[in-house]
Protein backbone atom coordinates (compact mmCIF):
# COMPACT_ATOMS: atom_id res chain seq x y z
CA MET A 1 0.11 0.13 0.06
CA LYS A 2 1.31 3.36 -0.89
CA SER A 3 1.26 6.14 1.69
CA THR A 4 1.94 9.67 1.14
CA LEU A 5 3.81 10.98 4.39
CA ILE A 6 2.47 14.33 5.62
CA ALA A 7 1.95 16.33 8.84
CA PHE A 8 -1.27 17.01 10.15
CA SER A 9 -2.77 17.80 6.65
CA CYS A 10 -5.88 16.85 4.42
CA PHE A 11 -5.64 12.81 3.53
CA ILE A 12 -5.07 11.84 -0.04
CA PHE A 13 -6.28 8.27 -0.62
CA PRO A 14 -4.53 6.45 1.08
CA THR A 15 -2.60 8.58 3.27
CA ALA A 16 -0.58 8.72 6.54
CA PHE A 17 0.84 11.13 8.88
CA VAL A 18 3.63 11.21 11.54
CA PHE A 19 2.60 11.70 15.24
CA ALA A 20 4.96 11.03 18.15
CA GLN A 21 7.25 8.91 16.07
CA LEU A 22 4.54 6.55 14.72
CA LYS A 23 3.12 6.54 11.24
CA VAL A 24 -0.56 6.61 11.16
CA GLU A 25 -2.06 5.29 7.91
CA ASN A 26 -5.76 5.70 6.77
CA LEU A 27 -6.74 2.82 5.00
CA GLY A 28 -8.11 4.68 2.13
CA ASN A 29 -11.47 4.64 0.20
CA ALA A 30 -11.38 0.78 -0.38
CA ILE A 31 -12.32 0.43 3.23
CA ASN A 32 -13.18 3.79 4.47
CA SER A 33 -16.50 5.93 3.19
CA GLU A 34 -18.33 9.19 3.72
CA TYR A 35 -20.08 6.64 6.25
CA ASN A 36 -19.22 5.96 9.76
CA GLU A 37 -16.55 2.76 9.93
CA ILE A 38 -16.30 1.27 13.37
CA ASN A 39 -15.42 -1.92 14.97
CA PRO A 40 -12.20 -2.94 13.21
CA VAL A 41 -11.20 -6.65 13.80
CA ILE A 42 -8.29 -7.96 11.96
CA SER A 43 -7.71 -11.48 11.60
CA PRO A 44 -4.88 -13.15 13.47
CA ASP A 45 -2.77 -13.65 10.30
CA GLY A 46 -3.50 -10.22 9.31
CA LYS A 47 -5.01 -10.95 5.85
CA THR A 48 -8.70 -10.21 6.54
CA LEU A 49 -10.21 -6.83 8.29
CA TYR A 50 -13.81 -7.10 9.42
CA PHE A 51 -15.65 -3.85 10.17
CA GLY A 52 -18.81 -2.15 10.91
CA ARG A 53 -20.44 0.29 8.43
CA VAL A 54 -23.19 2.42 9.87
CA SER A 55 -26.07 3.67 7.52
CA HIS A 56 -24.84 2.75 4.36
CA PRO A 57 -27.37 2.32 1.57
CA GLN A 58 -26.49 -1.34 0.66
CA ASN A 59 -27.02 -2.16 4.50
CA ALA A 60 -29.80 -4.64 5.11
CA HIS A 61 -31.95 -1.85 6.61
CA GLY A 62 -30.88 0.96 4.64
CA GLN A 63 -29.68 4.50 5.60
CA GLU A 64 -31.70 4.96 8.84
CA GLY A 65 -29.29 3.82 11.68
CA SER A 66 -28.57 0.42 10.44
CA GLN A 67 -24.96 -1.08 11.05
CA ASP A 68 -23.86 -4.20 8.61
CA ILE A 69 -20.72 -6.27 8.80
CA TRP A 70 -18.12 -5.59 6.04
CA PHE A 71 -14.88 -7.07 5.02
CA SER A 72 -11.94 -6.47 3.18
CA GLU A 73 -8.91 -8.68 2.16
CA TRP A 74 -5.17 -7.98 1.99
CA GLN A 75 -4.31 -8.89 -1.60
CA ASN A 76 -1.19 -7.93 -3.73
CA SER A 77 -0.11 -5.37 -0.92
CA GLN A 78 -3.10 -3.51 -0.77
CA TRP A 79 -6.62 -4.05 0.77
CA SER A 80 -9.16 -5.09 -1.55
CA LEU A 81 -12.41 -2.99 -2.05
CA ALA A 82 -14.66 -3.83 1.24
CA LYS A 83 -17.92 -6.16 0.60
CA ARG A 84 -20.56 -6.39 2.57
CA MET A 85 -21.05 -9.89 4.31
CA THR A 86 -24.07 -12.04 2.83
CA PRO A 87 -26.78 -13.67 4.72
CA PRO A 88 -27.37 -15.31 6.94
CA LEU A 89 -25.36 -12.49 8.56
CA ASN A 90 -26.46 -8.99 8.61
CA LYS A 91 -30.12 -9.95 9.17
CA GLU A 92 -30.81 -7.64 11.91
CA GLU A 93 -30.84 -3.78 12.16
CA TYR A 94 -27.46 -3.64 14.17
CA ASN A 95 -24.91 -6.35 12.97
CA CYS A 96 -21.18 -6.38 14.34
CA ALA A 97 -18.28 -9.08 14.15
CA TYR A 98 -16.34 -8.74 17.39
CA SER A 99 -13.80 -11.29 16.78
CA VAL A 100 -12.41 -14.10 14.42
CA THR A 101 -10.53 -17.31 15.01
CA PRO A 102 -6.87 -17.63 13.63
CA ASP A 103 -8.45 -20.49 11.53
CA GLY A 104 -10.59 -17.73 10.09
CA ASN A 105 -13.41 -20.31 10.27
CA THR A 106 -15.35 -18.87 13.26
CA LEU A 107 -16.78 -15.30 13.89
CA LEU A 108 -18.18 -14.07 17.30
CA ILE A 109 -20.95 -11.49 16.61
CA MET A 110 -23.65 -9.46 18.14
CA GLY A 111 -26.76 -10.80 19.57
CA ALA A 112 -27.92 -14.22 20.66
CA TYR A 113 -29.44 -16.04 18.05
CA ASP A 114 -31.23 -19.45 18.12
CA ARG A 115 -31.19 -21.29 14.72
CA GLY A 116 -30.60 -17.92 13.19
CA ALA A 117 -33.48 -16.16 14.72
CA TYR A 118 -32.49 -13.38 16.85
CA GLU A 119 -33.65 -13.38 20.53
CA THR A 120 -31.86 -11.09 22.49
CA ARG A 121 -28.58 -9.21 23.42
CA GLY A 122 -25.66 -11.69 23.83
CA PHE A 123 -23.24 -13.39 21.65
CA SER A 124 -23.20 -15.92 18.95
CA PHE A 125 -20.89 -17.91 16.60
CA SER A 126 -21.05 -18.11 12.75
CA LYS A 127 -19.04 -21.05 11.15
CA ARG A 128 -17.51 -21.14 7.92
CA THR A 129 -19.15 -24.13 5.98
CA VAL A 130 -18.64 -25.23 2.30
CA ASN A 131 -21.87 -23.18 1.30
CA GLY A 132 -20.78 -20.08 3.24
CA TRP A 133 -21.18 -18.90 6.83
CA SER A 134 -23.63 -20.85 9.01
CA ALA A 135 -26.62 -19.27 10.87
CA PRO A 136 -25.68 -17.78 14.05
CA SER A 137 -25.90 -19.90 17.10
CA LYS A 138 -25.94 -18.56 20.36
CA LEU A 139 -23.53 -18.93 23.39
CA ASN A 140 -25.33 -19.86 26.52
CA ILE A 141 -23.52 -17.94 29.01
CA PRO A 142 -25.52 -18.01 32.66
CA GLY A 143 -26.47 -15.10 34.29
CA LEU A 144 -25.41 -12.80 31.30
CA GLU A 145 -29.25 -11.74 30.45
CA GLY A 146 -29.59 -10.76 33.83
CA MET A 147 -26.45 -8.94 34.26
CA SER A 148 -26.04 -6.84 31.19
CA LYS A 149 -28.33 -3.97 31.86
CA GLY A 150 -26.61 -1.09 30.41
CA GLU A 151 -26.72 0.66 27.01
CA TYR A 152 -24.06 -1.15 25.48
CA MET A 153 -22.20 -4.51 25.18
CA CYS A 154 -19.38 -5.90 23.26
CA GLY A 155 -17.03 -8.90 23.36
CA PHE A 156 -13.89 -10.61 22.21
CA LEU A 157 -12.92 -14.17 21.92
CA SER A 158 -9.46 -15.52 22.52
CA ASN A 159 -7.45 -17.34 19.58
CA ASP A 160 -7.79 -20.63 21.82
CA GLY A 161 -11.35 -20.12 21.83
CA LYS A 162 -11.65 -20.75 25.60
CA THR A 163 -11.74 -17.19 27.05
CA LEU A 164 -14.52 -14.86 26.20
CA LEU A 165 -14.13 -11.03 27.37
CA MET A 166 -17.14 -8.87 27.85
CA ALA A 167 -17.81 -5.30 28.15
CA PHE A 168 -21.27 -4.28 29.70
CA SER A 169 -23.10 -2.41 32.73
CA GLU A 170 -24.93 -4.24 35.61
CA LYS A 171 -26.53 -0.78 35.91
CA LYS A 172 -29.96 -0.17 34.01
CA ARG A 173 -29.58 1.96 31.10
CA SER A 174 -25.98 2.93 31.95
CA THR A 175 -23.38 3.82 29.45
CA LYS A 176 -20.43 3.00 31.94
CA ASP A 177 -19.37 -0.43 31.21
CA ASP A 178 -16.92 -2.64 32.97
CA LEU A 179 -14.81 -5.58 31.55
CA TYR A 180 -15.84 -9.34 32.17
CA VAL A 181 -14.54 -12.84 31.38
CA SER A 182 -16.19 -16.28 30.96
CA PHE A 183 -14.66 -19.67 30.23
CA LEU A 184 -15.52 -22.70 27.92
CA GLN A 185 -15.54 -25.55 30.29
CA LYS A 186 -15.01 -29.10 29.09
CA ASN A 187 -18.53 -29.89 28.62
CA GLY A 188 -18.92 -27.18 26.25
CA THR A 189 -20.64 -24.69 28.57
CA TRP A 190 -19.59 -21.17 29.61
CA THR A 191 -19.10 -20.04 33.17
CA LYS A 192 -21.03 -17.00 34.61
CA PRO A 193 -19.33 -13.91 33.67
CA GLN A 194 -16.90 -12.82 36.46
CA SER A 195 -15.62 -9.09 36.61
CA LEU A 196 -11.77 -8.47 35.81
CA GLY A 197 -11.68 -6.83 39.32
CA VAL A 198 -10.85 -3.30 40.71
CA GLU A 199 -7.27 -2.98 39.06
CA VAL A 200 -8.95 -2.73 35.79
CA ASN A 201 -12.82 -1.55 36.30
CA THR A 202 -13.49 1.75 37.67
CA ASP A 203 -16.70 2.70 39.57
CA ASP A 204 -17.20 6.14 37.78
CA PHE A 205 -15.99 5.48 34.23
CA THR A 206 -16.16 3.17 31.28
CA GLU A 207 -14.08 0.31 30.07
CA THR A 208 -15.27 -1.01 26.99
CA THR A 209 -14.00 -2.45 23.22
CA PRO A 210 -11.56 -5.29 24.90
CA PHE A 211 -9.07 -6.96 22.67
CA LEU A 212 -6.87 -9.86 24.05
CA ALA A 213 -3.61 -10.07 22.15
CA SER A 214 -2.49 -13.40 20.72
CA ASP A 215 -0.28 -13.95 23.92
CA GLY A 216 -3.42 -14.46 25.89
CA ALA A 217 -2.22 -12.24 28.61
CA THR A 218 -2.45 -8.61 27.32
CA ILE A 219 -5.58 -6.88 27.08
CA TYR A 220 -5.99 -3.58 25.33
CA PHE A 221 -9.32 -1.41 26.21
CA SER A 222 -10.97 1.81 25.94
CA SER A 223 -11.57 4.23 28.85
CA ASP A 224 -12.69 7.69 29.63
CA ARG A 225 -10.99 7.49 33.14
CA PRO A 226 -8.67 10.40 34.06
CA GLY A 227 -5.33 11.14 32.85
CA GLY A 228 -6.33 10.53 29.16
CA GLN A 229 -5.79 12.48 26.16
CA GLY A 230 -9.60 13.51 25.90
CA SER A 231 -12.70 11.76 25.56
CA ASN A 232 -11.89 7.71 25.53
CA ASP A 233 -8.21 6.40 25.21
CA ILE A 234 -6.43 3.17 24.79
CA TYR A 235 -5.17 1.50 27.69
CA TYR A 236 -3.44 -1.83 28.44
CA THR A 237 -2.97 -4.26 31.13
CA LYS A 238 -1.17 -7.65 31.72
CA ARG A 239 -2.54 -10.56 33.54
CA ILE A 240 -0.47 -11.49 36.41
CA ASP A 241 -1.56 -15.05 36.98
CA LYS A 242 -4.24 -17.56 35.80
CA THR A 243 -7.06 -16.16 38.01
CA TRP A 244 -8.14 -13.44 35.60
CA LYS A 245 -8.62 -11.40 38.75
CA ARG A 246 -4.95 -9.93 39.16
CA TRP A 247 -3.69 -7.34 36.70
CA SER A 248 -0.90 -4.93 36.16
CA LYS A 249 -2.12 -1.13 36.54
CA PRO A 250 -3.55 -0.13 33.25
CA VAL A 251 -1.15 2.05 31.19
CA ASN A 252 -2.29 4.87 28.78
CA LEU A 253 -0.78 4.27 25.38
CA GLY A 254 -0.03 7.90 25.27
CA GLN A 255 -0.18 10.41 22.67
CA ALA A 256 1.65 8.07 20.13
CA ILE A 257 -1.57 6.34 19.85
CA ASN A 258 -4.46 8.46 21.76
CA THR A 259 -5.83 11.63 20.27
CA ASP A 260 -8.10 14.48 21.87
CA GLY A 261 -11.04 12.41 20.26
CA TYR A 262 -12.85 8.93 20.85
CA ASP A 263 -10.15 6.51 20.57
CA ALA A 264 -11.33 2.80 20.73
CA TYR A 265 -11.60 -0.62 18.82
CA TYR A 266 -7.85 -1.35 19.22
CA THR A 267 -6.95 -4.53 17.37
CA ILE A 268 -3.45 -6.15 16.39
CA ALA A 269 -2.75 -9.18 14.04
CA ALA A 270 -0.68 -11.98 15.55
CA ALA A 271 2.65 -10.59 14.10
CA GLY A 272 2.53 -7.45 16.31
CA ASP A 273 3.45 -5.00 13.16
CA TYR A 274 0.32 -3.15 13.14
CA ALA A 275 -2.57 -1.58 15.38
CA TYR A 276 -5.68 -0.87 13.79
CA MET A 277 -8.28 1.11 15.18
CA VAL A 278 -10.87 3.94 14.71
CA SER A 279 -9.94 7.46 14.24
CA LYS A 280 -12.18 10.65 13.83
CA LYS A 281 -9.26 12.97 13.04
CA ASN A 282 -8.55 13.95 9.44
CA THR A 283 -11.22 11.32 7.93
CA LEU A 284 -12.78 10.72 4.79
CA GLY A 285 -16.26 10.45 6.47
CA LYS A 286 -17.55 10.47 10.29
CA GLY A 287 -15.07 7.82 11.46
CA ASP A 288 -12.21 6.00 9.66
CA ILE A 289 -10.22 2.77 10.21
CA VAL A 290 -6.60 3.59 10.38
CA ARG A 291 -3.69 1.35 10.60
CA ILE A 292 -0.50 2.20 12.97
CA LYS A 293 3.11 0.56 12.31
CA ILE A 294 3.89 -0.43 16.09
CA LYS A 295 7.01 -2.37 15.39
CA SER A 296 10.11 -1.35 13.82
CA ASP A 297 11.56 -3.06 10.74
CA GLU A 298 14.56 -3.86 12.82
CA PRO A 299 14.12 -7.34 14.18
CA SER A 300 16.09 -6.61 17.43
CA ALA A 301 14.28 -3.05 17.97
CA ALA A 302 12.11 -2.64 20.87
CA PRO A 303 8.34 -2.18 20.06
CA ILE A 304 7.67 1.59 19.63
CA VAL A 305 4.81 1.21 22.09
CA PRO A 306 3.79 -1.50 24.63
CA ALA A 307 3.23 -4.89 22.43
CA PRO A 308 2.23 -8.29 23.52
CA ASP A 309 4.74 -11.12 23.84
CA PRO A 310 5.66 -12.80 20.77
CA VAL A 311 3.82 -15.86 19.44
CA ALA A 312 4.00 -18.37 16.50
CA LEU A 313 1.38 -18.45 13.75
CA VAL A 314 1.31 -22.44 12.72
CA SER A 315 -0.45 -23.49 9.47
CA GLY A 316 -0.79 -26.42 7.61
CA LYS A 317 -3.13 -28.93 6.03
CA VAL A 318 -5.07 -32.06 7.29
CA VAL A 319 -4.75 -34.91 4.99
CA ASP A 320 -5.97 -38.72 4.82
CA THR A 321 -2.46 -40.80 4.85
CA LYS A 322 -4.39 -43.32 2.32
CA THR A 323 -5.71 -40.97 -0.20
CA GLY A 324 -3.66 -37.91 0.21
CA LYS A 325 -6.84 -35.89 0.30
CA PRO A 326 -7.76 -33.05 2.70
CA ILE A 327 -10.13 -33.53 5.49
CA ASP A 328 -12.61 -31.21 7.30
CA ALA A 329 -11.15 -31.61 10.85
CA ARG A 330 -11.02 -30.25 14.31
CA ILE A 331 -7.62 -29.24 15.58
CA ILE A 332 -6.66 -29.97 19.28
CA TYR A 333 -3.41 -28.66 20.80
CA GLU A 334 -2.25 -29.21 24.32
CA ASN A 335 0.80 -28.84 26.86
CA LEU A 336 2.85 -31.49 26.58
CA ALA A 337 4.23 -31.20 30.14
CA ASP A 338 0.80 -31.69 31.74
CA GLY A 339 -1.40 -32.86 28.85
CA THR A 340 -3.93 -29.90 29.34
CA GLU A 341 -5.86 -28.98 26.40
CA VAL A 342 -4.57 -25.44 25.25
CA GLY A 343 -7.07 -24.60 22.48
CA THR A 344 -8.85 -25.73 19.43
CA ALA A 345 -9.28 -24.84 15.85
CA GLN A 346 -11.33 -26.10 12.60
CA THR A 347 -9.94 -26.62 9.40
CA ASP A 348 -11.37 -24.84 6.14
CA PRO A 349 -14.00 -27.40 5.19
CA ARG A 350 -13.30 -26.70 1.86
CA THR A 351 -9.42 -27.11 1.78
CA GLY A 352 -8.31 -28.86 4.89
CA GLU A 353 -6.04 -26.02 5.87
CA TYR A 354 -5.74 -24.77 9.41
CA LYS A 355 -4.20 -21.89 11.37
CA ILE A 356 -3.38 -21.64 15.18
CA VAL A 357 -1.51 -19.42 17.20
CA LEU A 358 0.78 -20.48 20.05
CA PRO A 359 2.20 -18.50 22.81
CA LYS A 360 6.11 -19.08 23.40
CA GLY A 361 7.37 -20.65 26.30
CA VAL A 362 5.72 -24.34 25.82
CA LYS A 363 5.98 -27.37 24.04
CA TYR A 364 2.84 -28.48 22.23
CA GLY A 365 1.21 -31.50 21.16
CA VAL A 366 -0.93 -30.64 17.74
CA ARG A 367 -3.62 -33.25 16.40
CA ALA A 368 -6.33 -33.35 14.06
CA VAL A 369 -9.69 -35.10 15.14
CA ALA A 370 -12.07 -36.57 12.80
CA LYS A 371 -14.52 -39.27 12.89
CA ASP A 372 -13.20 -42.89 11.74
CA PHE A 373 -9.67 -41.69 11.84
CA ILE A 374 -6.79 -41.88 14.11
CA ALA A 375 -4.47 -38.85 14.42
CA GLU A 376 -0.47 -38.60 13.75
CA ALA A 377 -0.06 -36.13 15.98
CA GLN A 378 2.84 -33.48 15.72
CA SER A 379 5.01 -31.62 18.55
CA ILE A 380 5.92 -27.92 18.32
CA ASP A 381 8.71 -26.78 20.82
CA LEU A 382 8.43 -23.09 21.83
CA THR A 383 10.19 -23.66 24.85
CA ASN A 384 13.27 -21.74 23.92
CA MET A 385 11.29 -19.54 21.27
CA LYS A 386 14.17 -16.63 20.37
CA GLY A 387 12.99 -13.26 18.97
CA GLY A 388 9.84 -12.18 17.82
CA PHE A 389 6.84 -13.39 15.97
CA GLN A 390 7.50 -16.41 13.94
CA GLU A 391 5.35 -18.14 11.13
CA VAL A 392 5.45 -21.99 10.86
CA ASN A 393 4.14 -22.88 7.73
CA GLY A 394 3.53 -26.30 6.12
CA THR A 395 2.90 -28.40 9.55
CA ASN A 396 0.64 -30.86 7.79
CA LEU A 397 -1.26 -33.21 10.27
CA THR A 398 -2.16 -36.60 8.95
CA LEU A 399 -5.19 -39.03 9.75
CA VAL A 400 -5.01 -42.51 9.41
CA PRO A 401 -8.37 -44.12 8.75
CA ILE A 402 -9.59 -46.87 10.88
CA GLU A 403 -9.00 -49.78 8.42
CA ILE A 404 -7.29 -53.23 8.62
CA ASN A 405 -3.64 -53.04 7.97
CA ALA A 406 -3.42 -49.20 8.14
CA VAL A 407 -0.38 -47.84 9.96
CA GLY A 408 0.49 -44.69 11.94
CA VAL A 409 3.28 -43.37 13.78
CA LEU A 410 2.71 -42.09 17.68
CA ASN A 411 4.94 -39.20 17.13
CA ASN A 412 4.61 -37.60 20.70
CA LEU A 413 6.19 -40.45 22.56
CA PHE A 414 9.38 -39.55 24.47
CA PHE A 415 12.31 -41.84 25.41
CA ASP A 416 15.61 -40.96 27.06
CA THR A 417 18.34 -41.96 24.71
CA GLY A 418 18.95 -45.74 24.72
CA LYS A 419 16.19 -46.09 27.19
CA ALA A 420 12.74 -47.60 27.14
CA ALA A 421 10.99 -46.03 30.03
CA LEU A 422 8.15 -43.70 28.87
CA ARG A 423 8.73 -39.71 29.84
CA PRO A 424 5.84 -38.20 31.53
CA GLU A 425 5.14 -35.98 28.28
CA SER A 426 4.18 -38.91 26.43
CA ASN A 427 1.07 -39.54 28.63
CA ALA A 428 -0.96 -37.11 26.47
CA GLU A 429 -0.21 -39.07 23.33
CA LEU A 430 -1.04 -42.50 24.98
CA ASP A 431 -4.13 -41.24 26.57
CA ARG A 432 -5.52 -40.15 23.27
CA MET A 433 -4.85 -43.70 21.84
CA VAL A 434 -6.49 -45.29 24.99
CA LEU A 435 -9.72 -43.27 24.15
CA THR A 436 -9.65 -44.46 20.80
CA PHE A 437 -9.65 -48.16 21.95
CA ASN A 438 -12.66 -47.32 24.18
CA GLU A 439 -14.67 -45.62 21.38
CA ASN A 440 -14.00 -48.47 19.18
CA PRO A 441 -14.42 -51.83 21.25
CA GLY A 442 -13.57 -53.98 18.39
CA LEU A 443 -10.16 -52.60 18.09
CA VAL A 444 -7.10 -54.63 18.22
CA MET A 445 -3.52 -53.17 17.29
CA GLU A 446 0.01 -53.97 17.08
CA ILE A 447 2.49 -51.59 18.55
CA GLY A 448 5.72 -51.78 16.58
CA GLY A 449 9.09 -50.31 18.13
CA HIS A 450 11.75 -49.22 15.57
CA THR A 451 15.22 -47.99 15.87
CA ASP A 452 18.05 -46.44 13.88
CA ASN A 453 21.19 -48.35 12.76
CA VAL A 454 23.40 -47.00 15.45
CA GLY A 455 24.51 -49.87 17.69
CA THR A 456 24.21 -53.60 17.18
CA ASP A 457 21.40 -55.38 15.70
CA ALA A 458 20.63 -57.11 18.82
CA ALA A 459 20.64 -54.09 20.98
CA ASN A 460 18.38 -52.17 18.55
CA LEU A 461 16.10 -55.19 18.46
CA LYS A 462 16.13 -55.51 22.24
CA LEU A 463 15.43 -51.58 22.76
CA SER A 464 12.63 -51.49 20.14
CA GLN A 465 10.91 -54.58 21.75
CA GLU A 466 11.01 -53.03 25.26
CA ARG A 467 9.82 -49.69 24.12
CA ALA A 468 6.95 -51.53 22.30
CA ASP A 469 6.08 -53.29 25.41
CA SER A 470 6.33 -50.12 27.64
CA VAL A 471 3.63 -48.76 25.50
CA ARG A 472 1.58 -51.93 25.49
CA GLU A 473 1.95 -51.81 29.50
CA TYR A 474 0.64 -48.48 29.70
CA PHE A 475 -2.42 -49.10 27.39
CA ILE A 476 -3.21 -52.56 29.73
CA GLY A 477 -2.78 -50.15 32.84
CA LYS A 478 -5.58 -47.90 31.57
CA GLY A 479 -7.92 -50.69 31.42
CA ILE A 480 -7.41 -51.95 27.88
CA GLU A 481 -7.68 -55.90 27.55
CA PRO A 482 -4.48 -57.46 26.77
CA ASP A 483 -5.52 -59.52 24.03
CA ARG A 484 -6.45 -56.04 22.33
CA VAL A 485 -2.52 -55.03 22.14
CA GLN A 486 0.37 -56.82 20.79
CA SER A 487 3.92 -55.35 20.84
CA LYS A 488 6.50 -56.23 18.41
CA GLY A 489 10.24 -55.00 18.12
CA TYR A 490 11.40 -54.44 14.57
CA GLY A 491 14.83 -53.05 15.45
CA GLU A 492 16.55 -51.49 12.44
CA ALA A 493 14.99 -53.75 9.84
CA LYS A 494 12.08 -51.20 8.81
CA PRO A 495 13.79 -47.89 8.21
CA LYS A 496 11.46 -44.99 6.55
CA ALA A 497 14.25 -42.69 5.67
CA THR A 498 17.95 -42.52 5.37
CA ASN A 499 20.02 -43.72 7.95
CA ASP A 500 22.88 -41.41 6.78
CA THR A 501 21.61 -38.40 8.19
CA GLU A 502 20.44 -37.21 11.69
CA GLU A 503 16.99 -36.28 10.37
CA GLY A 504 16.74 -39.48 8.68
CA ARG A 505 17.78 -41.42 11.88
CA GLN A 506 15.36 -39.36 13.95
CA ILE A 507 12.35 -40.44 11.50
CA ASN A 508 13.52 -43.97 11.96
CA ARG A 509 13.44 -43.83 15.68
CA ARG A 510 9.69 -44.57 16.22
CA VAL A 511 6.95 -46.44 17.60
CA GLU A 512 4.04 -47.00 15.27
CA PHE A 513 0.71 -48.75 15.57
CA LYS A 514 -0.63 -51.19 13.07
CA ILE A 515 -4.70 -52.09 13.05
CA LEU A 516 -5.12 -55.88 13.07
CA LYS A 517 -9.21 -55.87 13.89
CA LYS A 518 -11.45 -52.99 13.90
């Protein structure tokens, strides 16, 4: 995108100005118009921008106060001409997209819908299907309808899909909102909203338009509390622990970001390079969407304004090991250290492609889940992640069909060198297989141990048998009948890759499963 660098003068399409060492760039007339553009939502991969457009003649309810969801895509280094989202979205008079998941396949939208019919205020999901977006379906959040009594309401869904931030007031017809949080439980229900507490919320001022950064710990929000540049300003705070009740003191982003006008709807892609927000200064219409470069091009340079911790954007495709064709699947990623599920995602139903955002400092297990398949999981180690944002492309996930003689690899099993005892971080992979046994009561498997060619044939055969036995014993200890699991060591006899490289040897050191009966 071309930008004309000027200082506090009228805009040309698109334009930019420098303020406190930051370049504020109006996104131009591909996105902005003479009408009011509000609530920008940048997708975590930075390639799609959703926003609200007010009273536009193409809106579902025309020019009389309507608000519809529009979107634009980053193509050929510029934003495409914005389009209005099609039905079943934009059915009501006021429509809004609050956030989009990293995979791009789920939108959090305004309003509680039952089978596509609007019921009341609240939140709903719309999911991408082969034929377009699904009819919105409400999130059942206990107590929300009775708690939210003010004039406004908005929200944001975390990248892992497990945490919902909300802004609303518990006082009738109040315009002074507070920030709340609700959590997705294992049974698929949400918890009753809890306040983020006095370290974030104030009694006499508003806290609204929350945005949870990709690190899962940094919140940006808008507030009219004292000490700002004027009207509402953008603040940020960091979560101190896992309770979501202890926060660092909110800090105003200062005049590098804030103006003497209404500043809100601050949103950042996973790369942390640009912030998007609404500005009412030097606009094409009533309110325009601008982006602000907040990260230097120098990799070692510190952020120009406070930024979230770096993350990795992981992408790939889910394929069938037998046919090589893409599969519509659910993605689950977990902390291998303790086996806890960190988050979920969904593949694009048309292509099998997926995207997830992973905060640093954790070794993850990532797998796909689909009916009548067993996953070959992958591990992604971010415990020693260096530098800033990283893109990890081409991390394909494979699914083995539950068919006789089908073979797959248990990738996330860990042994010490030359040892057969399973390390604790193997438990998540093994427990997943226990669940597969339980869900398929006729399933009988052989667990096969394999090694590289380092060492003697006899030693390798012995080690491979002992490792296969360790896996079998784990399954039996979890209640799987002994006659459903066989173990066999193959030593170095069946390599999958060359033993002339360390990479090849690592591939050959493996434990496989083979389906004998189903």
